[in-house]
């Protein structure tokens, strides 16, 4: 009977991996080699009666791109989101020109945002270079430190909720198996990309579902349909990773260091696979991209981000309740505390670990969807959050799900507030510095318990 169950799980793993390949085979055209582009945005810096700023997209503005010799590379108009993407042949010097005559009546470029801007080859940090034109009044004017601090704290709360949700699964896997999973960031990316496939790329063979509201004849799904599908795929992906790889390694007695090194290789493999199918550009979901912000005191937030934050909070509270009061939660905490003792008391440790992988994959996928709604989808969106997740679970307490909730939330706020004192590119540095200090002076974290070693 056990061997039959193992064979059944193996077959299910192969079926899921086949479905995984099928979904990504229908993704937008693969990026054969380099895929460079200029992503140009035109935004109006709107100010209300209280002087609060709120960027809004400007559609229908003509943009042209020329190379260093003056040859035109491409030209197009901004869409309803105020964005135009113009492919370029290589990383090089380019001149971007905005036709001011195509601006809306009464609109003018900000003095600090000239109509002609240049980018250099060295400025291409990624394959897509972002250039922004602003109209209206500069936001830097009449904005107090308290307003900027309030906005950063609010943004930090949003980031912290997403980090906490992603970090819970990572912490549970570490607590129940002792495995440090460096591929967890790619599970986050996987969830975001699966939703993009269903929402934007479309699966034509699912066009027969077009009788459902929100499903087109091209097989694209409204984000409210695509998101639950992505979460389900994330849970199945976590289950498949455990069934196909890590449960076998545990049965063979393979050491945790070897398994950890394997997760590093798996992370590199998945990231390059995502890059080959998705390309290096960041891309938005179809819905909820054009919204005017709500004012909350001195800060602002879009309705989309407010709903995402509320859903994140509900999900995190639900996870905390499940871990605290249900049989599954108690069994999970028992396995995390002492796997051998938990098995001796009749708890099926392998079943608990299997469920932890599923839950962790689903939570990571939710985090990927929410992050994609916030900052668009990219092939490395989860990888860029990975070390912040590690900082969160280390700060909260390694192996503690409640510690991951607390630590992820604190790290998110710390990262955003840090941007007031350091350049935006370095805003994650203080969080990583805290990670080092916690490991030096309180390695058990905020909610962890000190243990004697040796």
Protein backbone atom coordinates (compact mmCIF):
# COMPACT_ATOMS: atom_id res chain seq x y z
CA UNK A 1 0.00 0.00 0.00
CA UNK A 2 2.74 2.59 0.82
CA UNK A 3 4.46 1.82 -2.49
CA UNK A 4 1.17 2.33 -4.35
CA UNK A 5 0.72 5.70 -2.65
CA UNK A 6 4.23 6.71 -3.63
CA UNK A 7 3.55 5.72 -7.24
CA UNK A 8 0.31 7.71 -7.21
CA UNK A 9 2.09 10.78 -5.84
CA UNK A 10 4.79 10.35 -8.49
CA UNK A 11 2.19 10.24 -11.26
CA UNK A 12 0.46 13.34 -9.87
CA UNK A 13 3.82 15.14 -9.75
CA UNK A 14 4.42 14.34 -13.42
CA UNK A 15 0.90 15.48 -14.34
CA UNK A 16 1.39 18.80 -12.55
CA UNK A 17 4.82 19.40 -14.06
CA UNK A 18 3.32 18.74 -17.50
CA UNK A 19 0.57 21.28 -16.78
CA UNK A 20 3.26 23.71 -15.58
CA UNK A 21 5.09 23.40 -18.90
CA UNK A 22 1.86 23.74 -20.86
CA UNK A 23 0.92 27.00 -19.14
CA UNK A 24 4.27 28.61 -19.80
CA UNK A 25 4.39 27.28 -23.35
CA UNK A 26 1.42 29.55 -24.07
CA UNK A 27 3.07 32.58 -22.51
CA UNK A 28 3.99 35.55 -24.64
CA UNK A 29 6.78 34.93 -27.12
CA UNK A 30 10.01 33.74 -25.51
CA UNK A 31 12.90 36.10 -25.15
CA UNK A 32 15.48 34.61 -27.47
CA UNK A 33 18.65 36.36 -26.42
CA UNK A 34 18.50 39.94 -25.22
CA UNK A 35 15.21 41.84 -25.21
CA UNK A 36 15.91 45.54 -24.63
CA UNK A 37 13.34 48.32 -24.41
CA UNK A 38 12.65 51.84 -23.22
CA UNK A 39 9.58 52.13 -21.00
CA UNK A 40 8.46 55.76 -21.14
CA UNK A 41 5.86 57.14 -18.75
CA UNK A 42 4.08 60.49 -18.83
CA UNK A 43 2.49 61.56 -15.54
CA UNK A 44 0.57 64.59 -14.37
CA UNK A 45 1.52 65.79 -10.90
CA UNK A 46 -1.94 66.65 -9.66
CA UNK A 47 -2.33 68.65 -6.47
CA UNK A 48 -5.52 69.06 -4.47
CA UNK A 49 -6.58 72.06 -2.35
CA UNK A 50 -4.39 70.87 0.51
CA UNK A 51 -1.30 70.69 -1.68
CA UNK A 52 -1.12 66.88 -1.69
CA UNK A 53 0.40 65.30 -4.78
CA UNK A 54 -1.08 62.43 -6.79
CA UNK A 55 0.53 61.26 -10.05
CA UNK A 56 -1.95 60.49 -12.82
CA UNK A 57 -1.20 59.01 -16.27
CA UNK A 58 -1.39 61.14 -19.40
CA UNK A 59 -2.59 59.27 -22.48
CA UNK A 60 -2.16 60.10 -26.18
CA UNK A 61 1.24 61.78 -25.93
CA UNK A 62 3.61 61.18 -28.88
CA UNK A 63 7.07 59.85 -28.01
CA UNK A 64 9.97 59.19 -30.38
CA UNK A 65 13.35 57.54 -29.82
CA UNK A 66 16.51 58.12 -31.84
CA UNK A 67 19.96 56.62 -31.56
CA UNK A 68 23.28 58.43 -31.19
CA UNK A 69 23.45 59.07 -34.95
CA UNK A 70 19.95 60.62 -35.09
CA UNK A 71 18.26 57.63 -36.74
CA UNK A 72 14.74 57.08 -35.41
CA UNK A 73 14.39 53.74 -33.60
CA UNK A 74 10.67 53.95 -32.93
CA UNK A 75 7.72 56.21 -32.16
CA UNK A 76 4.37 55.67 -30.45
CA UNK A 77 1.72 57.26 -28.24
CA UNK A 78 1.19 56.61 -24.53
CA UNK A 79 -1.73 54.33 -23.72
CA UNK A 80 -4.46 54.87 -21.10
CA UNK A 81 -1.95 54.09 -18.35
CA UNK A 82 0.39 56.84 -19.61
CA UNK A 83 2.98 54.28 -20.72
CA UNK A 84 4.61 53.41 -24.03
CA UNK A 85 7.22 50.66 -24.50
CA UNK A 86 9.59 51.07 -27.45
CA UNK A 87 11.95 48.15 -28.21
CA UNK A 88 15.59 49.04 -28.89
CA UNK A 89 18.20 46.82 -30.54
CA UNK A 90 20.83 47.01 -27.80
CA UNK A 91 22.05 48.80 -24.70
CA UNK A 92 23.33 52.07 -26.12
CA UNK A 93 22.88 55.86 -25.99
CA UNK A 94 19.39 57.03 -26.98
CA UNK A 95 17.47 60.31 -27.13
CA UNK A 96 13.79 60.34 -26.11
CA UNK A 97 11.71 63.23 -27.40
CA UNK A 98 8.21 64.15 -26.22
CA UNK A 99 6.05 66.09 -28.67
CA UNK A 100 4.70 68.86 -26.43
CA UNK A 101 1.98 69.71 -28.97
CA UNK A 102 0.30 66.37 -28.16
CA UNK A 103 -0.06 67.16 -24.46
CA UNK A 104 -3.63 67.75 -23.22
CA UNK A 105 -4.89 71.31 -23.50
CA UNK A 106 -3.52 73.47 -20.70
CA UNK A 107 -0.87 70.90 -19.70
CA UNK A 108 2.83 71.72 -19.73
CA UNK A 109 5.96 69.86 -18.76
CA UNK A 110 7.46 70.52 -15.37
CA UNK A 111 10.61 72.70 -15.64
CA UNK A 112 12.62 69.86 -14.15
CA UNK A 113 11.34 67.44 -16.80
CA UNK A 114 12.58 68.58 -20.24
CA UNK A 115 10.92 67.42 -23.46
CA UNK A 116 14.17 65.86 -24.66
CA UNK A 117 15.92 63.37 -22.41
CA UNK A 118 18.90 61.14 -23.06
CA UNK A 119 19.83 57.74 -21.66
CA UNK A 120 23.27 56.21 -21.78
CA UNK A 121 24.38 52.64 -22.22
CA UNK A 122 25.56 52.49 -18.60
CA UNK A 123 22.12 53.50 -17.31
CA UNK A 124 20.57 50.20 -18.45
CA UNK A 125 20.66 48.41 -15.09
CA UNK A 126 18.13 45.88 -16.44
CA UNK A 127 17.03 45.13 -20.00
CA UNK A 128 14.24 47.71 -19.66
CA UNK A 129 15.17 51.34 -19.00
CA UNK A 130 12.42 53.49 -17.46
CA UNK A 131 12.12 57.17 -18.40
CA UNK A 132 9.48 59.45 -16.85
CA UNK A 133 8.14 62.81 -18.05
CA UNK A 134 6.19 64.95 -15.57
CA UNK A 135 3.62 67.62 -16.22
CA UNK A 136 2.21 69.99 -13.63
CA UNK A 137 3.72 71.20 -10.38
CA UNK A 138 6.80 69.51 -8.94
CA UNK A 139 6.01 67.25 -6.00
CA UNK A 140 9.14 68.27 -4.20
CA UNK A 141 7.60 71.66 -3.51
CA UNK A 142 5.69 72.31 -0.25
CA UNK A 143 5.92 68.66 0.85
CA UNK A 144 6.93 68.49 4.51
CA UNK A 145 9.05 65.83 6.14
CA UNK A 146 6.01 64.63 8.08
CA UNK A 147 4.07 64.09 4.83
CA UNK A 148 6.93 62.15 3.27
CA UNK A 149 7.39 60.10 6.46
CA UNK A 150 3.67 59.29 6.61
CA UNK A 151 3.66 58.15 2.99
CA UNK A 152 6.73 55.96 3.52
CA UNK A 153 5.19 54.35 6.62
CA UNK A 154 1.99 53.59 4.70
CA UNK A 155 4.00 52.11 1.81
CA UNK A 156 6.03 50.14 4.35
CA UNK A 157 2.87 48.66 5.86
CA UNK A 158 1.81 47.46 2.40
CA UNK A 159 5.23 45.95 1.69
CA UNK A 160 5.42 44.45 5.18
CA UNK A 161 2.10 42.65 4.76
CA UNK A 162 3.27 41.09 1.48
CA UNK A 163 6.65 40.15 2.96
CA UNK A 164 4.99 38.60 6.01
CA UNK A 165 2.70 36.50 3.83
CA UNK A 166 5.57 35.24 1.68
CA UNK A 167 7.84 34.65 4.69
CA UNK A 168 5.33 32.50 6.62
CA UNK A 169 5.68 29.62 4.16
CA UNK A 170 9.45 29.94 4.14
CA UNK A 171 9.51 29.88 7.95
CA UNK A 172 7.12 26.92 8.22
CA UNK A 173 9.23 24.87 5.81
CA UNK A 174 12.35 25.67 7.82
CA UNK A 175 10.59 24.87 11.09
CA UNK A 176 9.21 21.50 10.00
CA UNK A 177 12.12 20.23 7.88
CA UNK A 178 15.13 22.40 8.84
CA UNK A 179 15.54 23.31 5.14
CA UNK A 180 16.61 26.82 4.16
CA UNK A 181 14.79 27.13 0.84
CA UNK A 182 16.53 29.61 -1.45
CA UNK A 183 14.04 28.77 -4.23
CA UNK A 184 11.11 30.23 -2.28
CA UNK A 185 11.44 33.53 -4.12
CA UNK A 186 10.84 31.71 -7.41
CA UNK A 187 7.61 30.25 -5.98
CA UNK A 188 6.52 33.87 -5.41
CA UNK A 189 7.43 34.69 -9.02
CA UNK A 190 5.65 31.57 -10.24
CA UNK A 191 2.36 32.69 -8.71
CA UNK A 192 2.61 36.15 -10.26
CA UNK A 193 3.51 34.78 -13.71
CA UNK A 194 0.76 32.15 -13.78
CA UNK A 195 -1.79 34.89 -13.09
CA UNK A 196 -0.21 36.97 -15.90
CA UNK A 197 -0.60 34.04 -18.30
CA UNK A 198 -4.29 33.67 -17.54
CA UNK A 199 -4.93 37.42 -17.31
CA UNK A 200 -2.92 38.84 -20.22
CA UNK A 201 -1.35 36.20 -22.49
CA UNK A 202 -4.42 33.98 -22.58
CA UNK A 203 -4.84 30.26 -23.23
CA UNK A 204 -6.80 29.91 -26.45
CA UNK A 205 -7.95 26.35 -25.72
CA UNK A 206 -9.89 27.74 -22.72
CA UNK A 207 -11.95 30.01 -24.96
CA UNK A 208 -14.94 27.68 -24.55
CA UNK A 209 -15.32 29.20 -21.06
CA UNK A 210 -16.16 32.59 -22.57
CA UNK A 211 -19.78 32.17 -21.43
CA UNK A 212 -18.48 33.00 -17.93
CA UNK A 213 -18.28 36.70 -17.00
CA UNK A 214 -14.71 37.94 -17.14
CA UNK A 215 -13.49 35.24 -19.59
CA UNK A 216 -12.79 36.20 -23.21
CA UNK A 217 -12.89 34.11 -26.38
CA UNK A 218 -9.08 34.37 -26.48
CA UNK A 219 -8.87 32.52 -23.17
CA UNK A 220 -7.94 35.51 -21.01
CA UNK A 221 -9.39 35.76 -17.51
CA UNK A 222 -10.28 38.78 -15.39
CA UNK A 223 -7.84 39.22 -12.52
CA UNK A 224 -10.56 38.13 -10.07
CA UNK A 225 -10.65 34.76 -11.88
CA UNK A 226 -6.92 34.55 -12.63
CA UNK A 227 -5.75 35.24 -9.06
CA UNK A 228 -7.42 32.18 -7.44
CA UNK A 229 -6.11 30.03 -10.30
CA UNK A 230 -2.59 31.32 -9.65
CA UNK A 231 -2.91 30.62 -5.92
CA UNK A 232 -4.05 27.05 -6.64
CA UNK A 233 -1.09 26.56 -9.00
CA UNK A 234 1.23 27.93 -6.30
CA UNK A 235 -0.03 25.36 -3.80
CA UNK A 236 0.34 22.58 -6.35
CA UNK A 237 3.84 23.80 -7.20
CA UNK A 238 4.86 23.63 -3.55
CA UNK A 239 3.39 20.12 -3.30
CA UNK A 240 5.20 19.00 -6.49
CA UNK A 241 8.57 20.32 -5.27
CA UNK A 242 8.22 18.33 -2.08
CA UNK A 243 6.86 15.17 -3.74
CA UNK A 244 9.32 15.12 -6.63
CA UNK A 245 12.49 16.26 -4.87
CA UNK A 246 12.65 16.93 -1.15
CA UNK A 247 10.57 14.09 0.28
CA UNK A 248 12.79 11.65 -1.63
CA UNK A 249 15.93 13.32 -0.33
CA UNK A 250 14.62 13.10 3.24
CA UNK A 251 13.86 9.40 2.86
CA UNK A 252 17.40 8.81 1.58
CA UNK A 253 18.88 10.70 4.53
CA UNK A 254 20.47 13.44 2.39
CA UNK A 255 21.86 16.19 4.64
CA UNK A 256 20.29 19.63 4.98
CA UNK A 257 23.38 21.40 3.61
CA UNK A 258 23.14 19.37 0.41
CA UNK A 259 19.42 20.11 0.14
CA UNK A 260 20.09 23.82 0.69
CA UNK A 261 22.67 23.86 -2.11
CA UNK A 262 20.09 22.12 -4.31
CA UNK A 263 17.59 24.91 -3.64
CA UNK A 264 20.19 27.46 -4.80
CA UNK A 265 20.58 25.58 -8.08
CA UNK A 266 16.82 25.20 -8.39
CA UNK A 267 16.41 28.95 -7.89
CA UNK A 268 18.89 29.73 -10.68
CA UNK A 269 17.24 27.20 -12.99
CA UNK A 270 13.72 28.52 -12.42
CA UNK A 271 14.76 32.16 -12.69
CA UNK A 272 16.42 31.60 -16.04
CA UNK A 273 13.43 29.59 -17.23
CA UNK A 274 11.11 32.45 -16.31
CA UNK A 275 13.44 34.90 -18.08
CA UNK A 276 13.49 32.76 -21.25
CA UNK A 277 9.68 32.58 -21.41
CA UNK A 278 8.68 35.97 -20.00
CA UNK A 279 11.57 38.25 -20.99
CA UNK A 280 13.28 40.96 -18.99
CA UNK A 281 10.51 43.57 -19.12
CA UNK A 282 8.12 44.37 -16.31
CA UNK A 283 4.47 44.08 -17.35
CA UNK A 284 1.21 45.02 -15.62
CA UNK A 285 -1.95 43.03 -15.17
CA UNK A 286 -4.88 44.16 -17.30
CA UNK A 287 -7.19 45.42 -14.54
CA UNK A 288 -6.89 48.06 -11.82
CA UNK A 289 -3.90 49.89 -13.33
CA UNK A 290 -5.50 53.34 -13.66
CA UNK A 291 -6.78 54.65 -10.34
CA UNK A 292 -6.83 57.95 -8.49
CA UNK A 293 -5.48 57.77 -4.95
CA UNK A 294 -7.48 58.18 -1.77
CA UNK A 295 -6.18 60.68 0.76
CA UNK A 296 -5.61 59.28 4.25
CA UNK A 297 -4.43 62.21 6.31
CA UNK A 298 -1.03 63.29 4.99
CA UNK A 299 -0.58 60.07 2.93
CA UNK A 300 -2.36 58.61 -0.11
CA UNK A 301 -3.21 55.11 -1.33
CA UNK A 302 -5.05 53.77 -4.38
CA UNK A 303 -8.23 51.71 -3.91
CA UNK A 304 -6.37 48.72 -5.37
CA UNK A 305 -3.58 48.93 -2.82
CA UNK A 306 -6.07 49.46 0.00
CA UNK A 307 -7.98 46.29 -0.96
CA UNK A 308 -4.72 44.33 -1.34
CA UNK A 309 -3.57 45.45 2.11
CA UNK A 310 -6.91 44.54 3.66
CA UNK A 311 -6.89 41.10 2.01
CA UNK A 312 -3.30 40.55 3.14
CA UNK A 313 -4.26 41.37 6.71
CA UNK A 314 -7.27 39.02 6.60
CA UNK A 315 -5.14 36.20 5.17
CA UNK A 316 -2.41 36.67 7.78
CA UNK A 317 -4.92 36.72 10.64
CA UNK A 318 -6.53 33.57 9.21
CA UNK A 319 -3.16 31.83 9.05
CA UNK A 320 -2.43 32.84 12.65
CA UNK A 321 -5.82 31.47 13.79
CA UNK A 322 -5.27 28.19 11.93
CA UNK A 323 -1.81 27.74 13.45
CA UNK A 324 -3.06 28.58 16.93
CA UNK A 325 -6.38 26.77 17.24
CA UNK A 326 -6.77 24.00 14.63
CA UNK A 327 -5.47 20.44 14.76
CA UNK A 328 -3.34 21.08 11.69
CA UNK A 329 -1.81 24.16 13.30
CA UNK A 330 -1.06 22.34 16.54
CA UNK A 331 0.43 19.40 14.63
CA UNK A 332 2.56 21.81 12.58
CA UNK A 333 3.87 23.52 15.70
CA UNK A 334 4.55 20.12 17.29
CA UNK A 335 6.57 18.96 14.28
CA UNK A 336 8.46 22.28 14.28
CA UNK A 337 9.33 21.93 17.98
CA UNK A 338 10.35 18.26 17.95
CA UNK A 339 9.70 16.06 14.88
CA UNK A 340 10.71 12.81 16.61
CA UNK A 341 8.50 13.42 19.62
CA UNK A 342 5.61 14.47 17.37
CA UNK A 343 5.91 11.21 15.40
CA UNK A 344 6.06 9.23 18.64
CA UNK A 345 2.74 10.74 19.73
CA UNK A 346 1.00 9.59 16.54
CA UNK A 347 1.36 12.68 14.33
CA UNK A 348 2.05 11.86 10.68
CA UNK A 349 5.05 14.16 10.22
CA UNK A 350 5.30 13.56 6.47
CA UNK A 351 1.66 14.50 6.00
CA UNK A 352 2.18 17.68 7.99
CA UNK A 353 5.27 18.56 5.96
CA UNK A 354 3.38 17.92 2.74
CA UNK A 355 0.58 20.28 3.82
CA UNK A 356 3.14 22.89 4.89
CA UNK A 357 4.66 22.86 1.39
CA UNK A 358 1.20 23.30 -0.14
CA UNK A 359 0.24 26.14 2.20
CA UNK A 360 3.64 27.79 1.81
CA UNK A 361 3.38 27.63 -1.99
CA UNK A 362 -0.15 29.08 -1.96
CA UNK A 363 0.84 31.94 0.36
CA UNK A 364 3.91 32.69 -1.77
CA UNK A 365 1.71 32.78 -4.88
CA UNK A 366 -0.69 35.21 -3.19
CA UNK A 367 2.28 37.40 -2.33
CA UNK A 368 3.41 37.25 -5.97
CA UNK A 369 -0.02 38.33 -7.21
CA UNK A 370 -0.23 41.21 -4.74
CA UNK A 371 3.31 42.30 -5.58
CA UNK A 372 2.48 42.16 -9.29
CA UNK A 373 -0.53 44.40 -8.71
CA UNK A 374 1.66 46.84 -6.82
CA UNK A 375 4.84 46.97 -8.93
CA UNK A 376 4.01 44.95 -12.07
CA UNK A 377 5.21 41.46 -12.94
CA UNK A 378 8.80 40.51 -13.72
CA UNK A 379 10.84 37.32 -13.98
CA UNK A 380 12.80 38.09 -10.78
CA UNK A 381 10.12 39.74 -8.64
CA UNK A 382 10.32 37.03 -5.96
CA UNK A 383 14.10 36.80 -6.03
CA UNK A 384 14.35 40.49 -5.16
CA UNK A 385 12.22 39.87 -2.06
CA UNK A 386 14.06 36.74 -0.91
CA UNK A 387 16.67 38.33 1.35
CA UNK A 388 14.06 40.66 2.81
CA UNK A 389 12.06 37.52 3.68
CA UNK A 390 15.13 36.01 5.32
CA UNK A 391 15.65 39.25 7.24
CA UNK A 392 12.05 39.09 8.42
CA UNK A 393 12.10 35.48 9.63
CA UNK A 394 15.49 36.00 11.27
CA UNK A 395 14.28 39.11 13.04
CA UNK A 396 11.07 37.39 14.14
CA UNK A 397 12.65 34.06 15.03
CA UNK A 398 13.84 31.23 12.77
CA UNK A 399 11.20 28.52 12.35
CA UNK A 400 8.49 30.56 14.07
CA UNK A 401 5.49 31.36 11.84
CA UNK A 402 4.35 34.09 14.22
CA UNK A 403 7.88 35.47 14.20
CA UNK A 404 7.81 35.57 10.38
CA UNK A 405 4.57 37.56 10.52
CA UNK A 406 6.08 40.07 12.93
CA UNK A 407 9.52 40.26 11.35
CA UNK A 408 8.25 40.61 7.78
CA UNK A 409 5.96 43.45 8.80
CA UNK A 410 8.76 45.30 10.63
CA UNK A 411 11.24 44.83 7.77
CA UNK A 412 8.73 46.18 5.23
CA UNK A 413 8.26 49.40 7.19
CA UNK A 414 12.01 49.68 7.80
CA UNK A 415 12.82 49.37 4.09
CA UNK A 416 10.40 52.07 2.97
CA UNK A 417 11.24 54.52 5.76
CA UNK A 418 14.95 54.04 5.02
CA UNK A 419 14.41 55.62 1.59
CA UNK A 420 14.11 58.99 3.37
CA UNK A 421 17.74 58.77 4.44
CA UNK A 422 19.45 56.69 1.75
CA UNK A 423 19.08 56.46 -2.05
CA UNK A 424 16.15 54.34 -3.22
CA UNK A 425 18.50 51.76 -4.71
CA UNK A 426 20.00 51.17 -1.24
CA UNK A 427 16.82 51.21 0.85
CA UNK A 428 17.09 47.46 1.61
CA UNK A 429 20.54 47.95 3.15
CA UNK A 430 19.32 48.91 6.69
CA UNK A 431 17.13 45.78 6.79
CA UNK A 432 20.09 43.57 5.91
CA UNK A 433 22.21 45.40 8.50
CA UNK A 434 19.56 44.59 11.11
CA UNK A 435 19.74 40.96 9.95
CA UNK A 436 23.46 40.91 10.74
CA UNK A 437 22.98 42.59 14.14
CA UNK A 438 20.20 40.19 15.13
CA UNK A 439 22.37 37.20 14.24
CA UNK A 440 25.18 38.65 16.35
CA UNK A 441 23.29 39.74 19.46
CA UNK A 442 19.95 37.91 19.49
CA UNK A 443 20.12 34.96 17.08
CA UNK A 444 16.81 33.53 18.35
CA UNK A 445 14.96 36.63 17.07
CA UNK A 446 12.11 38.58 18.64
CA UNK A 447 9.76 35.67 19.29
CA UNK A 448 12.28 32.82 19.25
CA UNK A 449 13.51 31.01 22.34
CA UNK A 450 17.13 30.83 23.31
CA UNK A 451 18.52 27.29 23.23
CA UNK A 452 21.70 25.79 24.56
CA UNK A 453 23.94 24.31 21.85
CA UNK A 454 26.45 21.62 22.72
